[in-house]
Structure formats: structure tokens, C-alpha cells
């Protein structure tokens, strides 16, 4: 592959990810996940898992940025920028969830018994 050309497999992978996300957003079921039985999880573990995912996304972004700045030729600028956007969006979503939780807590505390 020549420099500057786009790898078709990466495009196909990104399209598959977008289709999966669109299916989930529309309430569809991922065919792979439909075979697994439903597992109940408590709120604390789900919240911790989500925070860990956000943290790992930010860490991957930081590592990619450092590798790109150091001149690592295996890291593309587009990969760094996409990673930055993903971690930014996940952080913003986490902040919004936190805001909703605080608002719900305040509403509950202001209820008259």
C-alpha cells in the first residue's frame, strides 16, 4: 500500500462499528449478543466499568499522542484524532450521566415525606 492511501479494511471495520451502533440506538439486538443469557448487574459495578472504559480510552489517546509526537511512523495523525474524539465524547457522556445523577439525588432529597 502506498503512503496516503486509505486501507479498505479499516473503512469496512468502521462501517461495521457504525452499523452496530445504529442498530443498538434503534433498539435492535446485536446477533452475537442475542445468544447469551441476560446477566443482572448491580449499579455500582456497571458505573465502575463505564468509568474504567472512559479512563482506558483517555489513556490510549495519551499514549497514541505521545507516540505520534515522538515520530512513531506506525501511528497516523488520523488515528490520533479519532482516538481523541472518542475519548472526548465518552468523557462528555460521563459528565452528563454524573449531572443527571446529581440532579436526581437533589430531587429525591427535596421531596417531602
N, C-alpha and C. Protein backbone atom coordinates (compact mmCIF):
# COMPACT_ATOMS: atom_id res chain seq x y z
N UNK A 1 0.85 -1.18 0.00
CA UNK A 1 0.00 0.00 0.00
C UNK A 1 0.89 1.24 0.00
N UNK A 2 0.57 2.19 -0.82
CA UNK A 2 1.33 3.42 -0.92
C UNK A 2 0.96 4.36 0.22
N UNK A 3 1.88 5.25 0.55
CA UNK A 3 1.61 6.25 1.60
C UNK A 3 0.50 7.17 1.14
N UNK A 4 -0.42 7.47 2.03
CA UNK A 4 -1.51 8.37 1.72
C UNK A 4 -2.77 7.67 1.25
N UNK A 5 -2.68 6.38 0.94
CA UNK A 5 -3.86 5.63 0.52
C UNK A 5 -4.62 5.14 1.75
N UNK A 6 -5.90 4.99 1.61
CA UNK A 6 -6.74 4.55 2.71
C UNK A 6 -6.90 3.04 2.63
N UNK A 7 -6.74 2.40 3.78
CA UNK A 7 -6.88 0.95 3.86
C UNK A 7 -8.37 0.60 3.86
N UNK A 8 -8.80 -0.21 2.90
CA UNK A 8 -10.21 -0.56 2.76
C UNK A 8 -10.71 -1.36 3.95
N UNK A 9 -9.85 -2.17 4.55
CA UNK A 9 -10.30 -2.98 5.69
C UNK A 9 -10.63 -2.10 6.89
N UNK A 10 -9.91 -1.00 7.06
CA UNK A 10 -10.22 -0.08 8.16
C UNK A 10 -11.56 0.60 7.93
N UNK A 11 -11.83 0.95 6.69
CA UNK A 11 -13.11 1.59 6.36
C UNK A 11 -14.25 0.61 6.61
N UNK A 12 -14.08 -0.63 6.18
CA UNK A 12 -15.12 -1.64 6.39
C UNK A 12 -15.34 -1.89 7.87
N UNK A 13 -14.27 -1.89 8.64
CA UNK A 13 -14.37 -2.08 10.09
C UNK A 13 -15.14 -0.93 10.73
N UNK A 14 -14.84 0.30 10.31
CA UNK A 14 -15.53 1.46 10.86
C UNK A 14 -17.01 1.45 10.46
N UNK A 15 -17.31 1.03 9.24
CA UNK A 15 -18.71 0.94 8.81
C UNK A 15 -19.46 -0.10 9.62
N UNK A 16 -18.82 -1.22 9.91
CA UNK A 16 -19.46 -2.26 10.73
C UNK A 16 -19.73 -1.73 12.13
N UNK A 17 -18.79 -0.97 12.68
CA UNK A 17 -18.99 -0.40 14.01
C UNK A 17 -20.14 0.60 14.00
N UNK A 18 -20.22 1.42 12.97
CA UNK A 18 -21.31 2.40 12.86
C UNK A 18 -22.66 1.70 12.72
N UNK A 19 -22.71 0.63 11.92
CA UNK A 19 -23.96 -0.10 11.77
C UNK A 19 -24.39 -0.74 13.08
N UNK A 20 -23.44 -1.28 13.82
CA UNK A 20 -23.74 -1.88 15.12
C UNK A 20 -24.27 -0.83 16.08
N UNK A 21 -23.64 0.34 16.12
CA UNK A 21 -24.08 1.42 17.00
C UNK A 21 -25.47 1.90 16.60
N UNK A 22 -25.74 1.99 15.30
CA UNK A 22 -27.06 2.43 14.84
C UNK A 22 -28.12 1.41 15.21
N UNK A 23 -27.80 0.13 15.11
CA UNK A 23 -28.74 -0.91 15.49
C UNK A 23 -29.07 -0.84 16.97
N UNK A 24 -28.05 -0.64 17.79
CA UNK A 24 -28.27 -0.51 19.23
C UNK A 24 -29.11 0.71 19.55
N UNK A 25 -28.85 1.83 18.86
CA UNK A 25 -29.58 3.06 19.13
C UNK A 25 -31.05 2.93 18.75
N UNK A 26 -31.35 2.12 17.75
CA UNK A 26 -32.73 1.93 17.33
C UNK A 26 -33.44 0.85 18.13
N UNK A 27 -32.76 0.31 19.11
CA UNK A 27 -33.38 -0.72 19.95
C UNK A 27 -33.22 -2.11 19.38
N UNK A 28 -32.40 -2.24 18.37
CA UNK A 28 -32.15 -3.55 17.78
C UNK A 28 -31.25 -4.37 18.66
N UNK A 29 -31.09 -5.62 18.28
CA UNK A 29 -30.27 -6.53 19.05
C UNK A 29 -29.11 -6.98 18.19
N UNK A 30 -27.94 -6.98 18.76
CA UNK A 30 -26.76 -7.47 18.08
C UNK A 30 -26.88 -8.99 17.99
N UNK A 31 -26.76 -9.62 16.81
CA UNK A 31 -26.95 -11.05 16.67
C UNK A 31 -26.02 -11.87 17.57
N UNK A 32 -24.82 -11.41 17.79
CA UNK A 32 -23.90 -12.15 18.64
C UNK A 32 -24.36 -12.11 20.09
N UNK A 33 -24.87 -10.98 20.55
CA UNK A 33 -25.29 -10.83 21.93
C UNK A 33 -26.63 -11.50 22.21
N UNK A 34 -27.45 -11.76 21.19
CA UNK A 34 -28.76 -12.34 21.43
C UNK A 34 -28.66 -13.79 21.88
N UNK A 35 -27.53 -14.45 21.65
CA UNK A 35 -27.37 -15.85 22.03
C UNK A 35 -27.02 -15.99 23.50
N UNK A 36 -26.51 -14.96 24.14
CA UNK A 36 -26.10 -15.03 25.53
C UNK A 36 -27.29 -14.79 26.45
N UNK A 37 -27.35 -15.50 27.57
CA UNK A 37 -28.43 -15.22 28.52
C UNK A 37 -28.20 -13.89 29.21
N UNK A 38 -29.28 -13.26 29.62
CA UNK A 38 -29.19 -11.96 30.29
C UNK A 38 -28.59 -12.14 31.67
N UNK A 39 -27.63 -11.27 32.00
CA UNK A 39 -26.98 -11.31 33.30
C UNK A 39 -27.31 -10.02 34.03
N UNK A 40 -27.77 -10.15 35.27
CA UNK A 40 -28.08 -8.97 36.06
C UNK A 40 -26.80 -8.44 36.69
N UNK A 41 -26.68 -7.13 36.68
CA UNK A 41 -25.50 -6.49 37.28
C UNK A 41 -25.98 -5.35 38.18
N UNK A 42 -25.24 -5.14 39.24
CA UNK A 42 -25.62 -4.05 40.12
C UNK A 42 -25.10 -2.72 39.58
N UNK A 43 -25.71 -1.64 40.02
CA UNK A 43 -25.43 -0.31 39.51
C UNK A 43 -23.97 0.08 39.72
N UNK A 44 -23.42 -0.23 40.89
CA UNK A 44 -22.05 0.17 41.20
C UNK A 44 -21.04 -0.47 40.25
N UNK A 45 -21.23 -1.75 39.93
CA UNK A 45 -20.28 -2.41 39.04
C UNK A 45 -20.39 -1.88 37.62
N UNK A 46 -21.60 -1.58 37.18
CA UNK A 46 -21.79 -1.03 35.83
C UNK A 46 -21.17 0.37 35.75
N UNK A 47 -21.37 1.17 36.79
CA UNK A 47 -20.80 2.50 36.82
C UNK A 47 -19.28 2.45 36.82
N UNK A 48 -18.72 1.55 37.64
CA UNK A 48 -17.26 1.41 37.70
C UNK A 48 -16.70 0.94 36.36
N UNK A 49 -17.39 0.00 35.73
CA UNK A 49 -16.95 -0.49 34.43
C UNK A 49 -16.96 0.64 33.39
N UNK A 50 -17.99 1.47 33.42
CA UNK A 50 -18.07 2.59 32.48
C UNK A 50 -16.95 3.60 32.72
N UNK A 51 -16.69 3.90 33.99
CA UNK A 51 -15.60 4.82 34.31
C UNK A 51 -14.24 4.25 33.89
N UNK A 52 -14.07 2.94 34.07
CA UNK A 52 -12.83 2.30 33.65
C UNK A 52 -12.65 2.38 32.14
N UNK A 53 -13.75 2.23 31.39
CA UNK A 53 -13.68 2.33 29.93
C UNK A 53 -13.29 3.73 29.49
N UNK A 54 -13.85 4.73 30.15
CA UNK A 54 -13.51 6.12 29.83
C UNK A 54 -12.04 6.37 30.14
N UNK A 55 -11.59 5.88 31.29
CA UNK A 55 -10.20 6.05 31.68
C UNK A 55 -9.26 5.37 30.70
N UNK A 56 -9.59 4.15 30.27
CA UNK A 56 -8.72 3.45 29.33
C UNK A 56 -8.71 4.14 27.97
N UNK A 57 -9.85 4.70 27.54
CA UNK A 57 -9.89 5.44 26.27
C UNK A 57 -9.00 6.66 26.34
N UNK A 58 -9.04 7.37 27.47
CA UNK A 58 -8.18 8.55 27.63
C UNK A 58 -6.71 8.15 27.69
N UNK A 59 -6.43 7.04 28.33
CA UNK A 59 -5.03 6.58 28.42
C UNK A 59 -4.51 6.18 27.04
N UNK A 60 -5.34 5.45 26.25
CA UNK A 60 -4.93 5.07 24.89
C UNK A 60 -4.67 6.31 24.05
N UNK A 61 -5.52 7.33 24.19
CA UNK A 61 -5.34 8.56 23.44
C UNK A 61 -4.03 9.24 23.81
N UNK A 62 -3.74 9.27 25.10
CA UNK A 62 -2.50 9.89 25.55
C UNK A 62 -1.28 9.15 25.00
N UNK A 63 -1.33 7.82 25.03
CA UNK A 63 -0.21 7.02 24.53
C UNK A 63 -0.04 7.22 23.02
N UNK A 64 -1.16 7.21 22.28
CA UNK A 64 -1.08 7.44 20.84
C UNK A 64 -0.51 8.82 20.53
N UNK A 65 -0.95 9.83 21.26
CA UNK A 65 -0.44 11.18 21.05
C UNK A 65 1.04 11.28 21.32
N UNK A 66 1.49 10.63 22.38
CA UNK A 66 2.92 10.64 22.70
C UNK A 66 3.73 9.92 21.64
N UNK A 67 3.20 8.78 21.17
CA UNK A 67 3.91 8.03 20.12
C UNK A 67 3.98 8.84 18.82
N UNK A 68 2.88 9.52 18.48
CA UNK A 68 2.88 10.34 17.27
C UNK A 68 3.85 11.50 17.39
N UNK A 69 3.86 12.15 18.56
CA UNK A 69 4.76 13.29 18.78
C UNK A 69 6.22 12.85 18.77
N UNK A 70 6.46 11.60 19.18
CA UNK A 70 7.83 11.10 19.20
C UNK A 70 8.31 10.67 17.82
N UNK A 71 7.39 10.65 16.85
CA UNK A 71 7.79 10.33 15.49
C UNK A 71 7.58 8.88 15.11
N UNK A 72 6.79 8.14 15.86
CA UNK A 72 6.50 6.74 15.55
C UNK A 72 5.71 6.69 14.24
N UNK A 73 6.27 6.05 13.23
CA UNK A 73 5.64 6.05 11.91
C UNK A 73 4.48 5.06 11.81
N UNK A 74 4.30 4.22 12.82
CA UNK A 74 3.17 3.28 12.80
C UNK A 74 1.88 3.94 13.28
N UNK A 75 1.98 5.18 13.78
CA UNK A 75 0.81 5.90 14.27
C UNK A 75 0.48 7.03 13.29
N UNK A 76 -0.75 7.00 12.78
CA UNK A 76 -1.21 8.04 11.86
C UNK A 76 -1.87 9.18 12.63
N UNK A 77 -1.83 10.36 12.06
CA UNK A 77 -2.48 11.50 12.66
C UNK A 77 -3.99 11.27 12.76
N UNK A 78 -4.55 10.63 11.74
CA UNK A 78 -6.00 10.37 11.76
C UNK A 78 -6.36 9.44 12.92
N UNK A 79 -5.52 8.44 13.21
CA UNK A 79 -5.79 7.54 14.34
C UNK A 79 -5.76 8.31 15.66
N UNK A 80 -4.82 9.23 15.77
CA UNK A 80 -4.71 10.04 16.99
C UNK A 80 -5.93 10.93 17.15
N UNK A 81 -6.35 11.57 16.06
CA UNK A 81 -7.50 12.47 16.12
C UNK A 81 -8.80 11.71 16.42
N UNK A 82 -8.97 10.55 15.81
CA UNK A 82 -10.17 9.74 16.07
C UNK A 82 -10.19 9.29 17.51
N UNK A 83 -9.04 8.87 18.01
CA UNK A 83 -8.95 8.45 19.41
C UNK A 83 -9.26 9.60 20.35
N UNK A 84 -8.77 10.80 20.02
CA UNK A 84 -9.06 11.97 20.84
C UNK A 84 -10.55 12.27 20.86
N UNK A 85 -11.21 12.18 19.72
CA UNK A 85 -12.64 12.46 19.65
C UNK A 85 -13.45 11.41 20.43
N UNK A 86 -13.05 10.13 20.31
CA UNK A 86 -13.74 9.08 21.04
C UNK A 86 -13.63 9.29 22.55
N UNK A 87 -12.42 9.61 23.01
CA UNK A 87 -12.25 9.80 24.45
C UNK A 87 -12.97 11.06 24.92
N UNK A 88 -13.00 12.09 24.09
CA UNK A 88 -13.71 13.32 24.45
C UNK A 88 -15.21 13.07 24.55
N UNK A 89 -15.76 12.35 23.61
CA UNK A 89 -17.19 12.06 23.62
C UNK A 89 -17.54 11.18 24.81
N UNK A 90 -16.72 10.18 25.09
CA UNK A 90 -17.02 9.31 26.23
C UNK A 90 -16.93 10.08 27.54
N UNK A 91 -15.98 11.01 27.64
CA UNK A 91 -15.87 11.82 28.85
C UNK A 91 -17.09 12.74 28.99
N UNK A 92 -17.49 13.37 27.89
CA UNK A 92 -18.66 14.24 27.94
C UNK A 92 -19.92 13.47 28.32
N UNK A 93 -20.06 12.25 27.81
CA UNK A 93 -21.21 11.43 28.18
C UNK A 93 -21.17 11.09 29.67
N UNK A 94 -19.99 10.82 30.19
CA UNK A 94 -19.84 10.52 31.61
C UNK A 94 -20.21 11.72 32.46
N UNK A 95 -19.80 12.89 32.04
CA UNK A 95 -20.15 14.11 32.77
C UNK A 95 -21.67 14.32 32.76
N UNK A 96 -22.31 14.06 31.63
CA UNK A 96 -23.76 14.21 31.56
C UNK A 96 -24.48 13.22 32.47
N UNK A 97 -23.97 11.99 32.53
CA UNK A 97 -24.55 10.99 33.44
C UNK A 97 -24.38 11.44 34.88
N UNK A 98 -23.20 11.96 35.20
CA UNK A 98 -22.97 12.46 36.55
C UNK A 98 -23.93 13.60 36.88
N UNK A 99 -24.13 14.51 35.95
CA UNK A 99 -25.05 15.62 36.18
C UNK A 99 -26.47 15.13 36.41
N UNK A 100 -26.90 14.12 35.64
CA UNK A 100 -28.24 13.57 35.83
C UNK A 100 -28.36 12.88 37.18
N UNK A 101 -27.31 12.17 37.60
CA UNK A 101 -27.34 11.51 38.91
C UNK A 101 -27.42 12.52 40.04
N UNK A 102 -26.65 13.59 39.94
CA UNK A 102 -26.69 14.63 40.97
C UNK A 102 -28.05 15.29 41.00
N UNK A 103 -28.61 15.56 39.84
CA UNK A 103 -29.94 16.17 39.76
C UNK A 103 -31.00 15.26 40.37
N UNK A 104 -30.92 13.96 40.06
CA UNK A 104 -31.88 13.01 40.63
C UNK A 104 -31.73 12.93 42.14
N UNK A 105 -30.50 12.94 42.62
CA UNK A 105 -30.26 12.90 44.06
C UNK A 105 -30.85 14.14 44.74
N UNK A 106 -30.63 15.30 44.13
CA UNK A 106 -31.18 16.54 44.70
C UNK A 106 -32.70 16.53 44.69
N UNK A 107 -33.30 16.00 43.64
CA UNK A 107 -34.76 15.90 43.58
C UNK A 107 -35.28 14.99 44.69
N UNK A 108 -34.61 13.89 44.91
CA UNK A 108 -35.04 12.97 45.96
C UNK A 108 -34.87 13.62 47.32
N UNK A 109 -33.79 14.32 47.53
CA UNK A 109 -33.55 14.96 48.82
C UNK A 109 -34.54 16.09 49.09
N UNK A 110 -35.06 16.72 48.05
CA UNK A 110 -36.02 17.81 48.21
C UNK A 110 -37.46 17.35 48.32
N UNK A 111 -37.71 16.04 48.17
CA UNK A 111 -39.07 15.53 48.28
C UNK A 111 -39.55 15.62 49.74
N UNK A 112 -40.80 15.94 49.86
CA UNK A 112 -41.39 15.99 51.20
C UNK A 112 -41.92 14.61 51.54
N UNK A 113 -41.66 14.19 52.76
CA UNK A 113 -42.09 12.86 53.18
C UNK A 113 -43.41 12.89 53.86
